[in-house]
Amino acid sequence: MGVKRINMGYFMATTIQRKQMQWCMNNGINISPFAHNTYEWYIDIEINGRKNRSPYLYKKVQVWEEIFNFYKYYYKKYGKNTI
């Protein structure tokens, strides 16, 4: 039996988005997709060990856009534009 591939779509983060993500990760903020099924994902947000899951389901590509929107939000909230 082969492993079923899951297509989460293609998303290329910008340089700024990658820097915001790195700042968040370096400061205890981790954001990741959590599969509901092979076509929809929740978003998990963990801040200093405390995890929350989004109440919404996201489709492919949209999940990555939202993850990077969350990174931007938390960077602007706590990072004070340090990059």
PDB file of N, CA and C in Angstrom:
ATOM      1  N   MET A   1       0.833  -1.177   0.000  1.00  0.00           N
ATOM      2  CA  MET A   1       0.000   0.000   0.000  1.00  0.00           C
ATOM      3  C   MET A   1       0.881   1.246   0.000  1.00  0.00           C
ATOM      4  N   GLY A   2       0.629   2.166  -0.913  1.00  0.00           N
ATOM      5  CA  GLY A   2       1.405   3.393  -0.986  1.00  0.00           C
ATOM      6  C   GLY A   2       0.876   4.445  -0.033  1.00  0.00           C
ATOM      7  N   VAL A   3       1.719   5.380   0.246  1.00  0.00           N
ATOM      8  CA  VAL A   3       1.337   6.496   1.110  1.00  0.00           C
ATOM      9  C   VAL A   3       0.632   7.540   0.259  1.00  0.00           C
ATOM     10  N   LYS A   4      -0.519   7.999   0.710  1.00  0.00           N
ATOM     11  CA  LYS A   4      -1.273   9.009  -0.013  1.00  0.00           C
ATOM     12  C   LYS A   4      -0.623  10.370   0.203  1.00  0.00           C
ATOM     13  N   ARG A   5      -0.326  11.038  -0.892  1.00  0.00           N
ATOM     14  CA  ARG A   5       0.280  12.369  -0.806  1.00  0.00           C
ATOM     15  C   ARG A   5      -0.791  13.408  -0.522  1.00  0.00           C
ATOM     16  N   ILE A   6      -0.435  14.355   0.303  1.00  0.00           N
ATOM     17  CA  ILE A   6      -1.347  15.442   0.636  1.00  0.00           C
ATOM     18  C   ILE A   6      -0.835  16.701  -0.032  1.00  0.00           C
ATOM     19  N   ASN A   7      -1.706  17.348  -0.781  1.00  0.00           N
ATOM     20  CA  ASN A   7      -1.338  18.568  -1.492  1.00  0.00           C
ATOM     21  C   ASN A   7      -1.788  19.777  -0.691  1.00  0.00           C
ATOM     22  N   MET A   8      -0.812  20.474  -0.091  1.00  0.00           N
ATOM     23  CA  MET A   8      -1.123  21.671   0.683  1.00  0.00           C
ATOM     24  C   MET A   8      -0.914  22.929  -0.145  1.00  0.00           C
ATOM     25  N   GLY A   9      -0.674  22.768  -1.433  1.00  0.00           N
ATOM     26  CA  GLY A   9      -0.510  23.907  -2.315  1.00  0.00           C
ATOM     27  C   GLY A   9       0.895  24.475  -2.243  1.00  0.00           C
ATOM     28  N   TYR A  10       1.163  25.410  -3.128  1.00  0.00           N
ATOM     29  CA  TYR A  10       2.475  26.033  -3.213  1.00  0.00           C
ATOM     30  C   TYR A  10       2.380  27.469  -2.729  1.00  0.00           C
ATOM     31  N   PHE A  11       3.279  27.847  -1.839  1.00  0.00           N
ATOM     32  CA  PHE A  11       3.325  29.212  -1.328  1.00  0.00           C
ATOM     33  C   PHE A  11       4.781  29.587  -1.120  1.00  0.00           C
ATOM     34  N   MET A  12       5.196  30.701  -1.683  1.00  0.00           N
ATOM     35  CA  MET A  12       6.569  31.178  -1.522  1.00  0.00           C
ATOM     36  C   MET A  12       6.532  32.434  -0.649  1.00  0.00           C
ATOM     37  N   ALA A  13       7.051  32.302   0.572  1.00  0.00           N
ATOM     38  CA  ALA A  13       7.088  33.441   1.493  1.00  0.00           C
ATOM     39  C   ALA A  13       8.097  34.471   1.006  1.00  0.00           C
ATOM     40  N   THR A  14       7.772  35.733   1.242  1.00  0.00           N
ATOM     41  CA  THR A  14       8.695  36.815   0.902  1.00  0.00           C
ATOM     42  C   THR A  14       9.824  36.848   1.927  1.00  0.00           C
ATOM     43  N   THR A  15      10.849  37.610   1.645  1.00  0.00           N
ATOM     44  CA  THR A  15      11.961  37.774   2.582  1.00  0.00           C
ATOM     45  C   THR A  15      11.460  38.337   3.907  1.00  0.00           C
ATOM     46  N   ILE A  16      10.594  39.327   3.861  1.00  0.00           N
ATOM     47  CA  ILE A  16      10.046  39.924   5.093  1.00  0.00           C
ATOM     48  C   ILE A  16       9.227  38.889   5.860  1.00  0.00           C
ATOM     49  N   GLN A  17       8.401  38.120   5.168  1.00  0.00           N
ATOM     50  CA  GLN A  17       7.603  37.091   5.838  1.00  0.00           C
ATOM     51  C   GLN A  17       8.492  36.061   6.521  1.00  0.00           C
ATOM     52  N   ARG A  18       9.571  35.674   5.862  1.00  0.00           N
ATOM     53  CA  ARG A  18      10.487  34.695   6.478  1.00  0.00           C
ATOM     54  C   ARG A  18      11.176  35.300   7.699  1.00  0.00           C
ATOM     55  N   LYS A  19      11.530  36.578   7.646  1.00  0.00           N
ATOM     56  CA  LYS A  19      12.158  37.240   8.803  1.00  0.00           C
ATOM     57  C   LYS A  19      11.175  37.353   9.959  1.00  0.00           C
ATOM     58  N   GLN A  20       9.913  37.661   9.658  1.00  0.00           N
ATOM     59  CA  GLN A  20       8.890  37.727  10.710  1.00  0.00           C
ATOM     60  C   GLN A  20       8.696  36.350  11.341  1.00  0.00           C
ATOM     61  N   MET A  21       8.659  35.310  10.518  1.00  0.00           N
ATOM     62  CA  MET A  21       8.522  33.952  11.029  1.00  0.00           C
ATOM     63  C   MET A  21       9.710  33.598  11.921  1.00  0.00           C
ATOM     64  N   GLN A  22      10.917  33.899  11.464  1.00  0.00           N
ATOM     65  CA  GLN A  22      12.124  33.578  12.237  1.00  0.00           C
ATOM     66  C   GLN A  22      12.138  34.321  13.566  1.00  0.00           C
ATOM     67  N   TRP A  23      11.741  35.597  13.542  1.00  0.00           N
ATOM     68  CA  TRP A  23      11.692  36.369  14.789  1.00  0.00           C
ATOM     69  C   TRP A  23      10.715  35.699  15.764  1.00  0.00           C
ATOM     70  N   CYS A  24       9.534  35.328  15.265  1.00  0.00           N
ATOM     71  CA  CYS A  24       8.538  34.678  16.124  1.00  0.00           C
ATOM     72  C   CYS A  24       9.076  33.373  16.704  1.00  0.00           C
ATOM     73  N   MET A  25       9.662  32.549  15.856  1.00  0.00           N
ATOM     74  CA  MET A  25      10.182  31.265  16.320  1.00  0.00           C
ATOM     75  C   MET A  25      11.284  31.459  17.357  1.00  0.00           C
ATOM     76  N   ASN A  26      12.147  32.445  17.148  1.00  0.00           N
ATOM     77  CA  ASN A  26      13.219  32.741  18.108  1.00  0.00           C
ATOM     78  C   ASN A  26      12.676  33.269  19.429  1.00  0.00           C
ATOM     79  N   ASN A  27      11.430  33.728  19.420  1.00  0.00           N
ATOM     80  CA  ASN A  27      10.833  34.308  20.616  1.00  0.00           C
ATOM     81  C   ASN A  27       9.659  33.494  21.152  1.00  0.00           C
ATOM     82  N   GLY A  28       9.663  32.186  20.885  1.00  0.00           N
ATOM     83  CA  GLY A  28       8.693  31.279  21.489  1.00  0.00           C
ATOM     84  C   GLY A  28       7.317  31.270  20.865  1.00  0.00           C
ATOM     85  N   ILE A  29       7.186  31.782  19.632  1.00  0.00           N
ATOM     86  CA  ILE A  29       5.892  31.791  18.942  1.00  0.00           C
ATOM     87  C   ILE A  29       6.007  30.868  17.732  1.00  0.00           C
ATOM     88  N   ASN A  30       5.289  29.752  17.774  1.00  0.00           N
ATOM     89  CA  ASN A  30       5.324  28.774  16.684  1.00  0.00           C
ATOM     90  C   ASN A  30       3.928  28.582  16.128  1.00  0.00           C
ATOM     91  N   ILE A  31       3.825  28.607  14.807  1.00  0.00           N
ATOM     92  CA  ILE A  31       2.533  28.509  14.132  1.00  0.00           C
ATOM     93  C   ILE A  31       2.648  27.412  13.079  1.00  0.00           C
ATOM     94  N   SER A  32       1.673  26.488  13.075  1.00  0.00           N
ATOM     95  CA  SER A  32       1.761  25.365  12.144  1.00  0.00           C
ATOM     96  C   SER A  32       0.369  24.867  11.755  1.00  0.00           C
ATOM     97  N   PRO A  33       0.281  24.203  10.581  1.00  0.00           N
ATOM     98  CA  PRO A  33      -0.999  23.619  10.182  1.00  0.00           C
ATOM     99  C   PRO A  33      -1.252  22.322  10.943  1.00  0.00           C
ATOM    100  N   PHE A  34      -2.523  22.017  11.174  1.00  0.00           N
ATOM    101  CA  PHE A  34      -2.935  20.762  11.793  1.00  0.00           C
ATOM    102  C   PHE A  34      -4.042  20.183  10.916  1.00  0.00           C
ATOM    103  N   ALA A  35      -3.808  18.995  10.370  1.00  0.00           N
ATOM    104  CA  ALA A  35      -4.738  18.405   9.406  1.00  0.00           C
ATOM    105  C   ALA A  35      -6.066  18.010  10.037  1.00  0.00           C
ATOM    106  N   HIS A  36      -7.123  18.470   9.429  1.00  0.00           N
ATOM    107  CA  HIS A  36      -8.478  18.024   9.754  1.00  0.00           C
ATOM    108  C   HIS A  36      -8.801  16.817   8.880  1.00  0.00           C
ATOM    109  N   ASN A  37      -8.418  16.923   7.621  1.00  0.00           N
ATOM    110  CA  ASN A  37      -8.493  15.824   6.659  1.00  0.00           C
ATOM    111  C   ASN A  37      -7.456  16.129   5.575  1.00  0.00           C
ATOM    112  N   THR A  38      -7.507  15.458   4.452  1.00  0.00           N
ATOM    113  CA  THR A  38      -6.482  15.665   3.428  1.00  0.00           C
ATOM    114  C   THR A  38      -6.691  16.938   2.609  1.00  0.00           C
ATOM    115  N   TYR A  39      -7.767  17.674   2.871  1.00  0.00           N
ATOM    116  CA  TYR A  39      -8.064  18.884   2.100  1.00  0.00           C
ATOM    117  C   TYR A  39      -8.222  20.141   2.942  1.00  0.00           C
ATOM    118  N   GLU A  40      -8.284  19.990   4.266  1.00  0.00           N
ATOM    119  CA  GLU A  40      -8.536  21.133   5.138  1.00  0.00           C
ATOM    120  C   GLU A  40      -7.647  21.055   6.385  1.00  0.00           C
ATOM    121  N   TRP A  41      -7.246  22.237   6.862  1.00  0.00           N
ATOM    122  CA  TRP A  41      -6.355  22.317   8.012  1.00  0.00           C
ATOM    123  C   TRP A  41      -6.820  23.388   8.980  1.00  0.00           C
ATOM    124  N   TYR A  42      -6.566  23.122  10.247  1.00  0.00           N
ATOM    125  CA  TYR A  42      -6.652  24.140  11.281  1.00  0.00           C
ATOM    126  C   TYR A  42      -5.269  24.783  11.374  1.00  0.00           C
ATOM    127  N   ILE A  43      -5.161  25.852  12.144  1.00  0.00           N
ATOM    128  CA  ILE A  43      -3.855  26.447  12.414  1.00  0.00           C
ATOM    129  C   ILE A  43      -3.633  26.415  13.914  1.00  0.00           C
ATOM    130  N   ASP A  44      -2.517  25.814  14.319  1.00  0.00           N
ATOM    131  CA  ASP A  44      -2.122  25.781  15.723  1.00  0.00           C
ATOM    132  C   ASP A  44      -1.154  26.918  15.988  1.00  0.00           C
ATOM    133  N   ILE A  45      -1.391  27.640  17.081  1.00  0.00           N
ATOM    134  CA  ILE A  45      -0.517  28.728  17.501  1.00  0.00           C
ATOM    135  C   ILE A  45      -0.040  28.406  18.903  1.00  0.00           C
ATOM    136  N   GLU A  46       1.276  28.296  19.047  1.00  0.00           N
ATOM    137  CA  GLU A  46       1.869  27.997  20.349  1.00  0.00           C
ATOM    138  C   GLU A  46       2.757  29.160  20.759  1.00  0.00           C
ATOM    139  N   ILE A  47       2.436  29.744  21.908  1.00  0.00           N
ATOM    140  CA  ILE A  47       3.213  30.864  22.431  1.00  0.00           C
ATOM    141  C   ILE A  47       3.745  30.463  23.793  1.00  0.00           C
ATOM    142  N   ASN A  48       5.059  30.338  23.880  1.00  0.00           N
ATOM    143  CA  ASN A  48       5.731  29.956  25.121  1.00  0.00           C
ATOM    144  C   ASN A  48       5.100  28.718  25.760  1.00  0.00           C
ATOM    145  N   GLY A  49       4.844  27.694  24.949  1.00  0.00           N
ATOM    146  CA  GLY A  49       4.338  26.430  25.449  1.00  0.00           C
ATOM    147  C   GLY A  49       2.827  26.321  25.557  1.00  0.00           C
ATOM    148  N   ARG A  50       2.121  27.410  25.352  1.00  0.00           N
ATOM    149  CA  ARG A  50       0.658  27.383  25.441  1.00  0.00           C
ATOM    150  C   ARG A  50       0.077  27.340  24.024  1.00  0.00           C
ATOM    151  N   LYS A  51      -0.673  26.274  23.730  1.00  0.00           N
ATOM    152  CA  LYS A  51      -1.158  26.048  22.365  1.00  0.00           C
ATOM    153  C   LYS A  51      -2.648  26.336  22.242  1.00  0.00           C
ATOM    154  N   ASN A  52      -2.996  26.990  21.132  1.00  0.00           N
ATOM    155  CA  ASN A  52      -4.392  27.235  20.764  1.00  0.00           C
ATOM    156  C   ASN A  52      -4.583  26.811  19.319  1.00  0.00           C
ATOM    157  N   ARG A  53      -5.790  26.374  18.996  1.00  0.00           N
ATOM    158  CA  ARG A  53      -6.118  25.951  17.625  1.00  0.00           C
ATOM    159  C   ARG A  53      -7.191  26.881  17.070  1.00  0.00           C
ATOM    160  N   SER A  54      -7.013  27.297  15.842  1.00  0.00           N
ATOM    161  CA  SER A  54      -8.000  28.155  15.197  1.00  0.00           C
ATOM    162  C   SER A  54      -9.347  27.435  15.111  1.00  0.00           C
ATOM    163  N   PRO A  55     -10.434  28.184  15.199  1.00  0.00           N
ATOM    164  CA  PRO A  55     -11.749  27.558  15.054  1.00  0.00           C
ATOM    165  C   PRO A  55     -12.125  27.345  13.590  1.00  0.00           C
ATOM    166  N   TYR A  56     -11.333  27.899  12.676  1.00  0.00           N
ATOM    167  CA  TYR A  56     -11.641  27.854  11.249  1.00  0.00           C
ATOM    168  C   TYR A  56     -10.818  26.796  10.525  1.00  0.00           C
ATOM    169  N   LEU A  57     -11.375  26.295   9.442  1.00  0.00           N
ATOM    170  CA  LEU A  57     -10.674  25.369   8.564  1.00  0.00           C
ATOM    171  C   LEU A  57     -10.205  26.131   7.332  1.00  0.00           C
ATOM    172  N   TYR A  58      -9.013  25.800   6.871  1.00  0.00           N
ATOM    173  CA  TYR A  58      -8.424  26.458   5.713  1.00  0.00           C
ATOM    174  C   TYR A  58      -8.115  25.436   4.633  1.00  0.00           C
ATOM    175  N   LYS A  59      -8.255  25.861   3.387  1.00  0.00           N
ATOM    176  CA  LYS A  59      -7.933  25.031   2.231  1.00  0.00           C
ATOM    177  C   LYS A  59      -6.459  25.202   1.884  1.00  0.00           C
ATOM    178  N   LYS A  60      -5.986  24.399   0.893  1.00  0.00           N
ATOM    179  CA  LYS A  60      -4.586  24.495   0.486  1.00  0.00           C
ATOM    180  C   LYS A  60      -4.281  25.911   0.021  1.00  0.00           C
ATOM    181  N   VAL A  61      -3.055  26.303   0.128  1.00  0.00           N
ATOM    182  CA  VAL A  61      -2.503  27.631  -0.127  1.00  0.00           C
ATOM    183  C   VAL A  61      -3.048  28.626   0.892  1.00  0.00           C
ATOM    184  N   GLN A  62      -4.366  28.686   1.079  1.00  0.00           N
ATOM    185  CA  GLN A  62      -4.951  29.602   2.059  1.00  0.00           C
ATOM    186  C   GLN A  62      -4.353  29.371   3.446  1.00  0.00           C
ATOM    187  N   VAL A  63      -4.078  28.119   3.797  1.00  0.00           N
ATOM    188  CA  VAL A  63      -3.523  27.818   5.116  1.00  0.00           C
ATOM    189  C   VAL A  63      -2.167  28.502   5.285  1.00  0.00           C
ATOM    190  N   TRP A  64      -1.341  28.493   4.229  1.00  0.00           N
ATOM    191  CA  TRP A  64      -0.015  29.134   4.318  1.00  0.00           C
ATOM    192  C   TRP A  64      -0.142  30.646   4.392  1.00  0.00           C
ATOM    193  N   GLU A  65      -1.048  31.212   3.615  1.00  0.00           N
ATOM    194  CA  GLU A  65      -1.262  32.661   3.671  1.00  0.00           C
ATOM    195  C   GLU A  65      -1.658  33.088   5.069  1.00  0.00           C
ATOM    196  N   GLU A  66      -2.566  32.339   5.691  1.00  0.00           N
ATOM    197  CA  GLU A  66      -3.022  32.675   7.040  1.00  0.00           C
ATOM    198  C   GLU A  66      -1.930  32.472   8.083  1.00  0.00           C
ATOM    199  N   ILE A  67      -1.136  31.427   7.939  1.00  0.00           N
ATOM    200  CA  ILE A  67      -0.025  31.207   8.870  1.00  0.00           C
ATOM    201  C   ILE A  67       0.904  32.412   8.844  1.00  0.00           C
ATOM    202  N   PHE A  68       1.253  32.882   7.657  1.00  0.00           N
ATOM    203  CA  PHE A  68       2.154  34.030   7.574  1.00  0.00           C
ATOM    204  C   PHE A  68       1.472  35.324   8.001  1.00  0.00           C
ATOM    205  N   ASN A  69       0.150  35.425   7.875  1.00  0.00           N
ATOM    206  CA  ASN A  69      -0.572  36.573   8.435  1.00  0.00           C
ATOM    207  C   ASN A  69      -0.485  36.564   9.963  1.00  0.00           C
ATOM    208  N   PHE A  70      -0.579  35.370  10.558  1.00  0.00           N
ATOM    209  CA  PHE A  70      -0.427  35.268  12.014  1.00  0.00           C
ATOM    210  C   PHE A  70       0.989  35.638  12.443  1.00  0.00           C
ATOM    211  N   TYR A  71       1.999  35.156  11.721  1.00  0.00           N
ATOM    212  CA  TYR A  71       3.371  35.536  12.052  1.00  0.00           C
ATOM    213  C   TYR A  71       3.523  37.049  11.995  1.00  0.00           C
ATOM    214  N   LYS A  72       2.970  37.684  10.981  1.00  0.00           N
ATOM    215  CA  LYS A  72       3.037  39.146  10.846  1.00  0.00           C
ATOM    216  C   LYS A  72       2.349  39.828  12.030  1.00  0.00           C
ATOM    217  N   TYR A  73       1.172  39.325  12.393  1.00  0.00           N
ATOM    218  CA  TYR A  73       0.427  39.891  13.514  1.00  0.00           C
ATOM    219  C   TYR A  73       1.250  39.849  14.804  1.00  0.00           C
ATOM    220  N   TYR A  74       1.784  38.667  15.110  1.00  0.00           N
ATOM    221  CA  TYR A  74       2.528  38.542  16.369  1.00  0.00           C
ATOM    222  C   TYR A  74       3.848  39.293  16.318  1.00  0.00           C
ATOM    223  N   TYR A  75       4.477  39.357  15.175  1.00  0.00           N
ATOM    224  CA  TYR A  75       5.701  40.144  15.037  1.00  0.00           C
ATOM    225  C   TYR A  75       5.410  41.614  15.301  1.00  0.00           C
ATOM    226  N   LYS A  76       4.345  42.133  14.699  1.00  0.00           N
ATOM    227  CA  LYS A  76       4.005  43.550  14.896  1.00  0.00           C
ATOM    228  C   LYS A  76       3.564  43.815  16.333  1.00  0.00           C
ATOM    229  N   LYS A  77       2.886  42.850  16.947  1.00  0.00           N
ATOM    230  CA  LYS A  77       2.407  43.031  18.317  1.00  0.00           C
ATOM    231  C   LYS A  77       3.559  43.027  19.322  1.00  0.00           C
ATOM    232  N   TYR A  78       4.511  42.101  19.154  1.00  0.00           N
ATOM    233  CA  TYR A  78       5.566  41.934  20.142  1.00  0.00           C
ATOM    234  C   TYR A  78       6.961  42.337  19.665  1.00  0.00           C
ATOM    235  N   GLY A  79       7.190  42.316  18.360  1.00  0.00           N
ATOM    236  CA  GLY A  79       8.524  42.553  17.834  1.00  0.00           C
ATOM    237  C   GLY A  79       8.900  44.005  17.700  1.00  0.00           C
ATOM    238  N   LYS A  80       7.919  44.861  17.700  1.00  0.00           N
ATOM    239  CA  LYS A  80       8.166  46.313  17.592  1.00  0.00           C
ATOM    240  C   LYS A  80       9.051  46.660  16.392  1.00  0.00           C
ATOM    241  N   ASN A  81       8.785  45.949  15.270  1.00  0.00           N
ATOM    242  CA  ASN A  81       9.491  46.213  14.023  1.00  0.00           C
ATOM    243  C   ASN A  81      11.013  46.174  14.183  1.00  0.00           C
ATOM    244  N   THR A  82      11.516  45.083  14.703  1.00  0.00           N
ATOM    245  CA  THR A  82      12.952  44.950  14.951  1.00  0.00           C
ATOM    246  C   THR A  82      13.741  44.519  13.727  1.00  0.00           C
ATOM    247  N   ILE A  83      13.064  44.194  12.609  1.00  0.00           N
ATOM    248  CA  ILE A  83      13.816  43.813  11.414  1.00  0.00           C
ATOM    249  C   ILE A  83      13.749  44.894  10.361  1.00  0.00           C
TER     250      ILE A  83
END
